[in-house]
Amino acid sequence: MGTLFVNKSGCAFKITRTNGGSDVIGTLPVNAIFAWTDSWTGNSAGADYQGIYCNGMYGWIDGATGTGAFTPLTECGLYNVDVDGDGTVEAVFQTRRAAKYYDKTGKYLGTVPKSYFVATSSNASGKSHPNLMYVERWGEEDPSNGPMFMDTGMDRYPNFRDCNIIGNI
């Protein structure tokens, strides 16, 4: 599983193809939604690298650990509430557009319509599909369906303000 974050640091980070490399393949922009997929605790110089998935690419970013650069996706919801009464507070988002959803094996199940609510207490993304967000509950007014993995749209819309979910940043 990956972990979903938003880059609310105010700084962009270079993405390299290899861990610790100088082969820049892109940039993790400010306010980008991304999945943290791997980490490497350092090298002899003490640098920290994180393996990420953003904008349809896998790569590595350097030096962001401990900077407060990344905000967990669950801290970017419209509001927080115990949706299903189990004592766990979920972050609630609204779909910006219709979004495909899948079961845990990656099997396509259908489409969540535009303006529906989705709730999660986890920042988990799919292991083989890091663009998918784990959702405990979803529905039109009362999120009562679920669980599932929903396409965040980060492959086409890497900026959190443009992706498939509406939150608060």
Foldseek 3Di string as FASTA:
>chain_A
DWFKWFQQQQDKWFWAADDVDPHTDGIQDHQFIKTFQAWDQADPVRKIKTWIAFLRDTTITIDPPPSPRIGGPQVFAADWDPQPPPPQIWRKWFFQAKWWWAALVRHTDGIDGHGKMFIDSGRDAHNVGRQWGFTAFIGNPRGDDDTITIRQQRNPVRRNCPTGIDTHD
